[in-house]
Amino acid sequence: MAPHRILAATTLSHTDREADSSTGEHRLTGASSLEQETLQSLANTVQSSVSVITDYLKAHNLPEPTFGNLTSPNLPFVPELKEAKRVLLEATSAIEAIAQFNKFDYVGRLILLNQELTALKVAVDDFDVPNAIPIDEEVHISDICKRTGCLDEYKLLSSIRMLTQNFIFKETKLGYFAHTIHSVTLRDRDIAAYIGWNGSTVMTTSTKFTDAMKLYPNSKDPSKSAFSLAHNTDQTLFEWITKPEQQETLAGFNKGMIGTSKYSIEALSKAYPWNTLGHGTLIDVGGGQGHVSLAILSANPELKITVQDLPEVIEHSKESSPARGKVTFESHNMFAPQPKKADAYFFRHVFHDHTDDACIKAIRATLHHLRSAKNGTGGRIIVAETIMQPLDVRPPTGRQACAMNMKMCALQNGRERTVDEFDRLFKAADARFKTKAFITNGPVGSDVIEAWIEEDN
């Protein structure tokens, strides 16, 4: 039998399973609306999507993911499987939403999501349970407490048990815990720092979301935000976090950014054709410790990269960054005129922190180095963010972008943007800009917008 294949475009709002009589293939094609779905039609879509994935793995002699192997590989990040996974998750999520004995049960789970993040922070960031449990061993909660220095056994037990319901750790027998494929990943302390950042500063900020809406309606001022209310400050997030008394918070933030970047770098490296820069120069604006630049450089060693950030960030990066000696570090405020000419200016996870006006100011700060030419050969701006999904994409494909959008609203009165909003943003900076989107539907910050000034015909 011919292999299953998904032929639908990534923007289709729905897929139905149908056989192509000429090829014998099953394909997923745009069809009925979500309101017309049944459990059976959704189950058919699940089966087709799984067949696409397993047939691809068999054809490439790759193992299937499994819970039984802690080193179980990830799915290859290739277009065929990206589409299949998207359709699969949309269908299984729809099944979860309608297969309910009580409609409130579904909403009730959402109400308890706060406890899941709390459990992650407690078990992973605060007490480092992943490293207290050796690989391929089971450990009793009392021994976990001894190894982690936790004095409250029951609350740590409660946190770990909460995580087991998300396939993070498993309780092998009463009070004994062992690793799963997901808890093993959390042995990385940079990932733990990202959890800690979200479970402390971000969560605290979120409690003031409504208060900020009422006190500062439609505010575009980053110093008048949910963050400023939650932390009783008139400073912006980045002003506050760089104060001497917040050194520990800043260190955790920096480690967390490294952690989350580790799992988006592969998608980002494949999303954009970095090799088109050739032996050119790339400036990573707001690039922190240069961990993303280092990954780009490893795949494109002919590039010359400069990482720019605020003085206090660059000072720290020059001392401790793994990119030392491989990239150049330079202090620069992105709103000031750009001092260096380059072939490309790279903004990753920068624009979502800011309002449109601030982003336009940052874009215009580079304009004097861009000349009109074909296909960006006169200089280009590359933006990596989480792109907001179009309306015809089914849940939960847009969930990550929506969550990041609310997070940016709370922290800085910032926002995530759609492809069209990015196009309008660049044209507001200069009407000559052309833009192109590279959408991965992958990890946070792995979608790309490229902008350049096109040569007149």
Protein backbone atom coordinates (compact mmCIF):
# COMPACT_ATOMS: atom_id res chain seq x y z
CA MET A 1 0.00 0.00 0.00
CA ALA A 2 1.26 3.48 -0.80
CA PRO A 3 2.33 5.58 2.19
CA HIS A 4 -0.05 7.98 3.85
CA ARG A 5 0.71 11.61 3.25
CA ILE A 6 -0.77 14.92 4.37
CA LEU A 7 -1.28 17.19 1.39
CA ALA A 8 -3.10 20.01 3.14
CA ALA A 9 -1.53 23.45 3.43
CA THR A 10 -0.66 24.58 6.93
CA THR A 11 -3.30 27.29 6.85
CA LEU A 12 -6.24 24.94 6.35
CA SER A 13 -8.67 25.15 9.20
CA HIS A 14 -9.71 21.50 9.05
CA THR A 15 -8.82 18.21 7.48
CA ASP A 16 -10.85 15.17 6.52
CA ARG A 17 -9.46 11.77 5.61
CA GLU A 18 -10.11 10.75 2.03
CA ALA A 19 -8.53 8.33 -0.40
CA ASP A 20 -6.96 9.53 -3.63
CA SER A 21 -8.10 6.93 -6.17
CA SER A 22 -5.21 7.62 -8.53
CA THR A 23 -2.42 7.04 -6.01
CA GLY A 24 -3.99 5.01 -3.23
CA GLU A 25 -2.72 7.59 -0.77
CA HIS A 26 -4.78 9.00 2.05
CA ARG A 27 -4.67 12.73 2.28
CA LEU A 28 -6.01 15.38 4.63
CA THR A 29 -7.96 18.03 2.80
CA GLY A 30 -9.82 21.13 3.85
CA ALA A 31 -13.47 20.27 4.50
CA SER A 32 -16.09 20.75 7.19
CA SER A 33 -15.99 23.24 10.02
CA LEU A 34 -15.19 22.31 13.59
CA GLU A 35 -18.91 22.48 14.43
CA GLN A 36 -19.59 19.61 12.01
CA GLU A 37 -17.05 17.27 13.59
CA THR A 38 -17.99 14.08 15.40
CA LEU A 39 -15.92 11.82 17.60
CA GLN A 40 -15.66 9.41 14.69
CA SER A 41 -14.52 12.00 12.16
CA LEU A 42 -11.93 13.29 14.61
CA ALA A 43 -10.77 9.75 15.31
CA ASN A 44 -10.35 9.19 11.57
CA THR A 45 -8.19 12.30 11.37
CA VAL A 46 -6.10 11.05 14.29
CA GLN A 47 -5.55 7.73 12.52
CA SER A 48 -4.54 9.38 9.26
CA SER A 49 -2.12 11.73 11.01
CA VAL A 50 -0.52 8.91 12.99
CA SER A 51 -0.16 6.91 9.77
CA VAL A 52 1.67 9.80 8.13
CA ILE A 53 4.11 9.95 11.03
CA THR A 54 4.73 6.22 11.36
CA ASP A 55 5.05 5.71 7.60
CA TYR A 56 7.66 8.47 7.44
CA LEU A 57 9.62 6.94 10.30
CA LYS A 58 9.52 3.49 8.71
CA ALA A 59 10.56 4.87 5.32
CA HIS A 60 13.57 6.57 6.92
CA ASN A 61 14.40 3.65 9.23
CA LEU A 62 13.73 5.76 12.33
CA PRO A 63 12.32 4.47 15.64
CA GLU A 64 8.92 5.55 16.90
CA PRO A 65 8.84 7.74 20.02
CA THR A 66 8.01 5.72 23.12
CA PHE A 67 7.60 6.17 26.85
CA GLY A 68 9.60 2.99 27.42
CA ASN A 69 12.95 4.44 26.38
CA LEU A 70 14.32 7.49 28.20
CA THR A 71 16.49 8.32 25.20
CA SER A 72 13.52 8.07 22.82
CA PRO A 73 14.29 10.43 19.92
CA ASN A 74 12.23 13.45 18.94
CA LEU A 75 10.30 13.45 15.71
CA PRO A 76 12.41 14.88 12.87
CA PHE A 77 11.59 18.56 12.37
CA VAL A 78 10.60 18.24 8.70
CA PRO A 79 7.63 19.76 6.84
CA GLU A 80 5.74 16.47 6.41
CA LEU A 81 5.77 15.70 10.11
CA LYS A 82 5.19 19.29 11.22
CA GLU A 83 1.90 19.26 9.33
CA ALA A 84 0.96 15.79 10.55
CA LYS A 85 1.68 16.69 14.15
CA ARG A 86 -0.35 19.91 13.87
CA VAL A 87 -3.38 18.08 12.52
CA LEU A 88 -2.97 15.30 15.09
CA LEU A 89 -2.89 17.69 18.05
CA GLU A 90 -5.84 19.69 16.72
CA ALA A 91 -7.91 16.51 16.45
CA THR A 92 -6.92 15.04 19.83
CA SER A 93 -7.54 18.39 21.53
CA ALA A 94 -10.98 18.61 19.94
CA ILE A 95 -11.75 15.09 21.18
CA GLU A 96 -10.71 16.07 24.70
CA ALA A 97 -12.95 19.14 24.50
CA ILE A 98 -16.13 17.30 23.49
CA ALA A 99 -15.69 13.89 25.18
CA GLN A 100 -16.95 15.19 28.53
CA PHE A 101 -19.61 13.95 30.96
CA ASN A 102 -19.89 17.47 32.33
CA LYS A 103 -19.02 20.54 30.27
CA PHE A 104 -17.56 22.24 33.33
CA ASP A 105 -14.97 19.46 33.68
CA TYR A 106 -13.13 20.84 30.66
CA VAL A 107 -13.17 24.41 31.98
CA GLY A 108 -12.30 23.14 35.43
CA ARG A 109 -9.01 21.75 34.17
CA LEU A 110 -8.05 25.19 32.87
CA ILE A 111 -8.77 26.71 36.26
CA LEU A 112 -6.17 24.41 37.80
CA LEU A 113 -3.37 25.16 35.32
CA ASN A 114 -1.79 27.52 37.84
CA GLN A 115 -1.11 24.51 40.07
CA GLU A 116 0.74 22.77 37.26
CA LEU A 117 3.20 25.65 36.88
CA THR A 118 3.56 25.85 40.65
CA ALA A 119 4.40 22.14 40.76
CA LEU A 120 6.99 22.61 38.02
CA LYS A 121 8.64 25.49 39.84
CA VAL A 122 8.72 23.67 43.19
CA ALA A 123 9.96 20.31 41.93
CA VAL A 124 12.26 21.43 39.13
CA ASP A 125 13.58 24.92 39.88
CA ASP A 126 13.41 25.12 43.67
CA PHE A 127 14.37 21.57 44.68
CA ASP A 128 15.94 20.11 41.52
CA VAL A 129 14.13 16.80 41.82
CA PRO A 130 15.18 15.70 38.30
CA ASN A 131 18.82 15.52 39.39
CA ALA A 132 17.92 13.86 42.71
CA ILE A 133 16.59 10.82 40.84
CA PRO A 134 19.29 8.87 38.97
CA ILE A 135 18.49 7.68 35.47
CA ASP A 136 16.87 4.22 35.46
CA GLU A 137 16.33 4.22 39.23
CA GLU A 138 13.31 4.75 41.46
CA VAL A 139 13.68 6.83 44.62
CA HIS A 140 11.38 7.17 47.64
CA ILE A 141 10.08 10.63 48.44
CA SER A 142 11.88 10.63 51.81
CA ASP A 143 15.21 10.11 50.05
CA ILE A 144 14.34 12.76 47.47
CA CYS A 145 13.79 15.20 50.34
CA LYS A 146 17.15 14.29 51.90
CA ARG A 147 18.96 14.79 48.60
CA THR A 148 17.27 18.12 47.85
CA GLY A 149 17.20 19.56 51.37
CA CYS A 150 13.41 19.80 51.36
CA LEU A 151 11.92 19.87 54.86
CA ASP A 152 8.28 19.51 53.77
CA GLU A 153 7.88 16.01 52.40
CA TYR A 154 4.14 16.08 51.76
CA LYS A 155 4.15 19.31 49.74
CA LEU A 156 7.04 18.11 47.59
CA LEU A 157 5.22 14.78 47.16
CA SER A 158 2.11 16.70 46.07
CA SER A 159 4.12 18.69 43.53
CA ILE A 160 5.75 15.62 41.99
CA ARG A 161 2.42 13.78 41.82
CA MET A 162 0.91 16.77 40.04
CA LEU A 163 3.64 16.49 37.42
CA THR A 164 3.08 12.77 36.91
CA GLN A 165 -0.32 13.69 35.49
CA ASN A 166 1.54 15.46 32.69
CA PHE A 167 3.92 12.55 32.01
CA ILE A 168 6.69 14.26 33.99
CA PHE A 169 8.04 11.62 36.41
CA LYS A 170 6.13 8.42 37.16
CA GLU A 171 5.14 6.91 40.51
CA THR A 172 6.33 3.31 40.20
CA LYS A 173 4.90 2.26 43.56
CA LEU A 174 3.50 4.21 46.48
CA GLY A 175 5.91 7.05 47.24
CA TYR A 176 8.58 5.96 44.74
CA PHE A 177 9.35 8.04 41.66
CA ALA A 178 11.35 7.47 38.49
CA HIS A 179 12.08 9.40 35.33
CA THR A 180 10.09 9.71 32.13
CA ILE A 181 11.24 11.07 28.79
CA HIS A 182 10.09 14.54 29.88
CA SER A 183 11.49 14.64 33.40
CA VAL A 184 14.93 13.67 32.05
CA THR A 185 14.89 16.83 29.92
CA LEU A 186 14.36 18.88 33.08
CA ARG A 187 17.76 17.88 34.49
CA ASP A 188 19.05 20.85 32.46
CA ARG A 189 19.41 23.71 34.96
CA ASP A 190 18.98 26.33 32.25
CA ILE A 191 15.52 24.90 31.57
CA ALA A 192 14.88 24.91 35.31
CA ALA A 193 15.76 28.61 35.38
CA TYR A 194 13.19 29.31 32.65
CA ILE A 195 10.58 27.50 34.72
CA GLY A 196 11.63 29.53 37.74
CA TRP A 197 11.32 32.82 35.86
CA ASN A 198 7.81 31.99 34.71
CA GLY A 199 6.77 30.53 38.04
CA SER A 200 7.88 33.57 40.02
CA THR A 201 8.24 36.92 38.23
CA VAL A 202 5.80 36.17 35.42
CA MET A 203 3.20 34.45 37.60
CA THR A 204 3.29 37.28 40.15
CA THR A 205 2.89 39.77 37.31
CA SER A 206 -0.13 37.93 35.92
CA THR A 207 -2.07 38.44 39.16
CA LYS A 208 -2.18 42.17 38.36
CA PHE A 209 -3.33 41.83 34.75
CA THR A 210 -6.88 43.06 35.42
CA ASP A 211 -5.71 45.80 37.80
CA ALA A 212 -3.45 47.18 35.08
CA MET A 213 -6.29 47.10 32.55
CA LYS A 214 -8.40 49.22 34.90
CA LEU A 215 -5.71 51.59 36.14
CA TYR A 216 -3.85 52.01 32.84
CA PRO A 217 -6.40 51.30 30.08
CA ASN A 218 -4.79 50.98 26.63
CA SER A 219 -1.39 51.87 28.08
CA LYS A 220 1.62 51.63 25.79
CA ASP A 221 4.00 52.72 28.52
CA PRO A 222 6.06 49.72 29.74
CA SER A 223 6.40 51.37 33.15
CA LYS A 224 2.61 51.35 33.56
CA SER A 225 1.88 47.66 33.32
CA ALA A 226 0.83 44.61 35.29
CA PHE A 227 4.52 44.07 36.01
CA SER A 228 4.98 47.52 37.53
CA LEU A 229 1.92 47.03 39.75
CA ALA A 230 2.94 43.54 40.85
CA HIS A 231 6.43 44.66 41.79
CA ASN A 232 5.48 48.09 43.14
CA THR A 233 7.80 49.99 40.83
CA ASP A 234 7.61 52.80 38.31
CA GLN A 235 10.38 51.16 36.30
CA THR A 236 10.10 48.94 33.25
CA LEU A 237 10.92 45.25 33.51
CA PHE A 238 14.41 45.69 32.09
CA GLU A 239 15.17 48.74 34.24
CA TRP A 240 14.05 46.85 37.33
CA ILE A 241 15.82 43.59 36.59
CA THR A 242 19.20 45.24 36.06
CA LYS A 243 19.22 46.92 39.47
CA PRO A 244 22.02 45.66 41.76
CA GLU A 245 19.52 44.18 44.22
CA GLN A 246 18.00 42.06 41.43
CA GLN A 247 21.23 40.35 40.40
CA GLU A 248 19.88 36.91 41.30
CA THR A 249 16.70 37.53 39.29
CA LEU A 250 18.72 38.74 36.31
CA ALA A 251 20.99 35.71 36.47
CA GLY A 252 17.96 33.42 36.50
CA PHE A 253 16.41 35.31 33.60
CA ASN A 254 19.60 35.03 31.54
CA LYS A 255 19.93 31.31 32.26
CA GLY A 256 16.28 30.83 31.42
CA MET A 257 16.66 32.56 28.06
CA ILE A 258 19.55 30.24 27.27
CA GLY A 259 17.40 27.29 28.33
CA THR A 260 14.40 28.06 26.17
CA SER A 261 16.64 28.94 23.22
CA LYS A 262 18.21 25.48 23.26
CA TYR A 263 14.93 23.99 22.15
CA SER A 264 14.09 26.54 19.47
CA ILE A 265 17.51 26.85 17.83
CA GLU A 266 17.06 23.80 15.59
CA ALA A 267 13.73 25.10 14.31
CA LEU A 268 15.12 28.62 13.91
CA SER A 269 18.19 27.36 12.04
CA LYS A 270 15.93 25.49 9.61
CA ALA A 271 13.29 28.20 9.33
CA TYR A 272 15.53 30.75 7.66
CA PRO A 273 18.16 30.32 4.90
CA TRP A 274 21.10 31.72 6.86
CA ASN A 275 23.47 30.49 4.16
CA THR A 276 22.18 33.24 1.86
CA LEU A 277 24.26 35.63 3.96
CA GLY A 278 27.38 33.89 2.69
CA HIS A 279 30.55 35.37 4.17
CA GLY A 280 28.62 38.40 5.34
CA THR A 281 28.18 40.09 8.69
CA LEU A 282 25.28 39.59 11.09
CA ILE A 283 24.50 41.81 14.07
CA ASP A 284 22.45 40.14 16.79
CA VAL A 285 20.65 43.10 18.38
CA GLY A 286 19.65 42.41 21.97
CA GLY A 287 21.48 39.10 21.68
CA GLY A 288 22.34 38.73 25.37
CA GLN A 289 25.08 36.16 25.91
CA GLY A 290 25.18 35.21 22.25
CA HIS A 291 23.88 31.66 22.64
CA VAL A 292 21.63 31.92 19.58
CA SER A 293 24.37 33.57 17.53
CA LEU A 294 26.74 30.79 18.52
CA ALA A 295 24.31 28.18 17.20
CA ILE A 296 23.86 30.08 13.93
CA LEU A 297 27.63 30.41 13.63
CA SER A 298 28.22 26.69 14.17
CA ALA A 299 26.07 25.93 11.13
CA ASN A 300 27.38 28.91 9.14
CA PRO A 301 31.04 29.31 10.18
CA GLU A 302 31.79 31.77 7.39
CA LEU A 303 29.58 34.42 9.04
CA LYS A 304 31.02 37.24 11.11
CA ILE A 305 28.70 37.99 14.04
CA THR A 306 28.51 40.87 16.50
CA VAL A 307 26.25 40.59 19.53
CA GLN A 308 24.86 43.89 20.80
CA ASP A 309 23.06 44.54 24.07
CA LEU A 310 22.94 46.98 26.97
CA PRO A 311 26.27 47.67 28.74
CA GLU A 312 25.51 45.65 31.88
CA VAL A 313 24.50 42.64 29.78
CA ILE A 314 27.55 42.85 27.53
CA GLU A 315 29.87 43.20 30.52
CA HIS A 316 28.54 39.92 31.91
CA SER A 317 28.62 38.21 28.51
CA LYS A 318 32.26 39.09 27.91
CA GLU A 319 33.14 37.33 31.16
CA SER A 320 30.99 34.21 31.04
CA SER A 321 29.47 33.62 27.59
CA PRO A 322 30.37 30.38 25.77
CA ALA A 323 30.45 32.55 22.63
CA ARG A 324 33.53 34.45 23.84
CA GLY A 325 36.22 34.51 21.19
CA LYS A 326 33.79 33.37 18.52
CA VAL A 327 31.59 36.45 18.23
CA THR A 328 32.24 40.11 18.96
CA PHE A 329 30.40 41.73 21.88
CA GLU A 330 29.43 45.39 21.71
CA SER A 331 27.36 47.70 23.91
CA HIS A 332 24.51 49.37 22.06
CA ASN A 333 21.03 50.68 22.74
CA MET A 334 18.87 49.53 19.84
CA PHE A 335 16.93 52.80 19.81
CA ALA A 336 20.09 54.80 19.09
CA PRO A 337 21.46 55.03 15.54
CA GLN A 338 23.11 51.73 14.63
CA PRO A 339 26.90 52.29 14.58
CA LYS A 340 27.86 49.22 12.53
CA LYS A 341 27.08 48.38 8.93
CA ALA A 342 26.14 44.76 8.35
CA ASP A 343 24.48 42.50 5.83
CA ALA A 344 21.75 41.62 8.30
CA TYR A 345 20.39 42.87 11.62
CA PHE A 346 18.87 40.11 13.73
CA PHE A 347 16.24 40.78 16.41
CA ARG A 348 15.21 37.64 18.30
CA HIS A 349 12.59 37.93 21.03
CA VAL A 350 13.04 41.69 21.00
CA PHE A 351 10.10 43.27 19.19
CA HIS A 352 7.50 41.41 21.26
CA ASP A 353 8.74 43.30 24.33
CA HIS A 354 7.79 46.63 22.78
CA THR A 355 4.95 48.70 21.36
CA ASP A 356 4.70 49.43 17.65
CA ASP A 357 6.15 52.91 18.12
CA ALA A 358 9.20 51.55 19.91
CA CYS A 359 9.74 48.87 17.26
CA ILE A 360 9.47 51.45 14.49
CA LYS A 361 12.12 53.52 16.26
CA ALA A 362 14.44 50.49 16.44
CA ILE A 363 13.89 49.72 12.75
CA ARG A 364 14.59 53.29 11.73
CA ALA A 365 17.81 53.21 13.77
CA THR A 366 19.22 50.80 11.15
CA LEU A 367 17.79 52.42 8.02
CA HIS A 368 20.92 54.41 7.15
CA HIS A 369 22.75 51.11 6.60
CA LEU A 370 20.15 49.60 4.26
CA ARG A 371 20.14 50.28 0.54
CA SER A 372 17.54 49.31 -2.00
CA ALA A 373 18.49 46.12 -3.84
CA LYS A 374 17.02 42.86 -5.06
CA ASN A 375 15.97 40.28 -2.46
CA GLY A 376 17.66 41.87 0.51
CA THR A 377 21.14 42.03 -0.97
CA GLY A 378 21.33 45.66 0.11
CA GLY A 379 20.91 44.67 3.75
CA ARG A 380 18.07 43.07 5.64
CA ILE A 381 16.40 42.89 9.02
CA ILE A 382 15.60 39.43 10.39
CA VAL A 383 13.06 39.16 13.21
CA ALA A 384 12.50 35.89 15.12
CA GLU A 385 9.33 35.78 17.20
CA THR A 386 6.27 33.66 17.86
CA ILE A 387 3.87 34.66 15.09
CA MET A 388 0.17 34.94 15.94
CA GLN A 389 -1.81 32.38 13.96
CA PRO A 390 -4.53 33.32 11.43
CA LEU A 391 -8.14 32.94 12.54
CA ASP A 392 -8.79 29.83 10.45
CA VAL A 393 -6.25 27.74 12.37
CA ARG A 394 -7.85 25.40 14.88
CA PRO A 395 -7.01 25.15 18.56
CA PRO A 396 -4.54 24.44 20.05
CA THR A 397 -2.17 25.50 17.25
CA GLY A 398 -2.40 29.15 18.28
CA ARG A 399 -2.24 28.50 22.04
CA GLN A 400 1.48 29.10 22.44
CA ALA A 401 1.38 32.39 20.56
CA CYS A 402 -1.69 33.56 22.51
CA ALA A 403 0.00 32.68 25.80
CA MET A 404 3.16 34.53 24.82
CA ASN A 405 1.05 37.49 23.74
CA MET A 406 -0.64 37.75 27.15
CA LYS A 407 2.73 37.35 28.85
CA MET A 408 4.22 40.24 26.86
CA CYS A 409 1.14 42.39 27.54
CA ALA A 410 1.59 41.83 31.26
CA LEU A 411 5.34 42.35 31.43
CA GLN A 412 5.93 45.29 29.09
CA ASN A 413 2.64 46.23 27.41
CA GLY A 414 4.24 44.42 24.49
CA ARG A 415 2.62 41.95 22.12
CA GLU A 416 3.09 39.16 19.62
CA ARG A 417 2.10 40.00 16.04
CA THR A 418 0.59 38.44 12.96
CA VAL A 419 2.38 38.33 9.62
CA ASP A 420 0.25 41.25 8.37
CA GLU A 421 0.97 43.27 11.51
CA PHE A 422 4.70 42.83 10.98
CA ASP A 423 4.33 43.94 7.37
CA ARG A 424 2.45 47.07 8.47
CA LEU A 425 5.03 47.69 11.19
CA PHE A 426 7.91 47.75 8.71
CA LYS A 427 6.00 49.83 6.19
CA ALA A 428 5.24 52.34 8.94
CA ALA A 429 8.98 52.64 9.49
CA ASP A 430 9.60 53.04 5.75
CA ALA A 431 7.05 52.45 3.00
CA ARG A 432 9.71 50.86 0.78
CA PHE A 433 10.06 47.78 2.99
CA LYS A 434 9.14 44.35 1.63
CA THR A 435 8.61 41.45 4.01
CA LYS A 436 8.61 37.67 3.84
CA ALA A 437 7.47 35.23 6.52
CA PHE A 438 9.04 31.88 7.41
CA ILE A 439 6.55 30.13 9.70
CA THR A 440 7.68 27.01 11.56
CA ASN A 441 4.73 26.37 13.91
CA GLY A 442 7.56 25.21 16.12
CA PRO A 443 9.00 26.21 19.49
CA VAL A 444 8.72 29.69 20.98
CA GLY A 445 10.56 32.32 18.94
CA SER A 446 11.31 30.18 15.89
CA ASP A 447 9.13 31.98 13.33
CA VAL A 448 10.96 34.49 11.14
CA ILE A 449 10.07 37.73 9.39
CA GLU A 450 12.59 39.04 6.86
CA ALA A 451 12.42 42.68 5.76
CA TRP A 452 14.40 44.56 3.14
CA ILE A 453 14.14 47.60 0.87
CA GLU A 454 13.46 46.32 -2.63
CA GLU A 455 15.13 47.89 -5.63
CA ASP A 456 12.75 49.90 -7.81
CA ASN A 457 11.96 48.37 -11.19
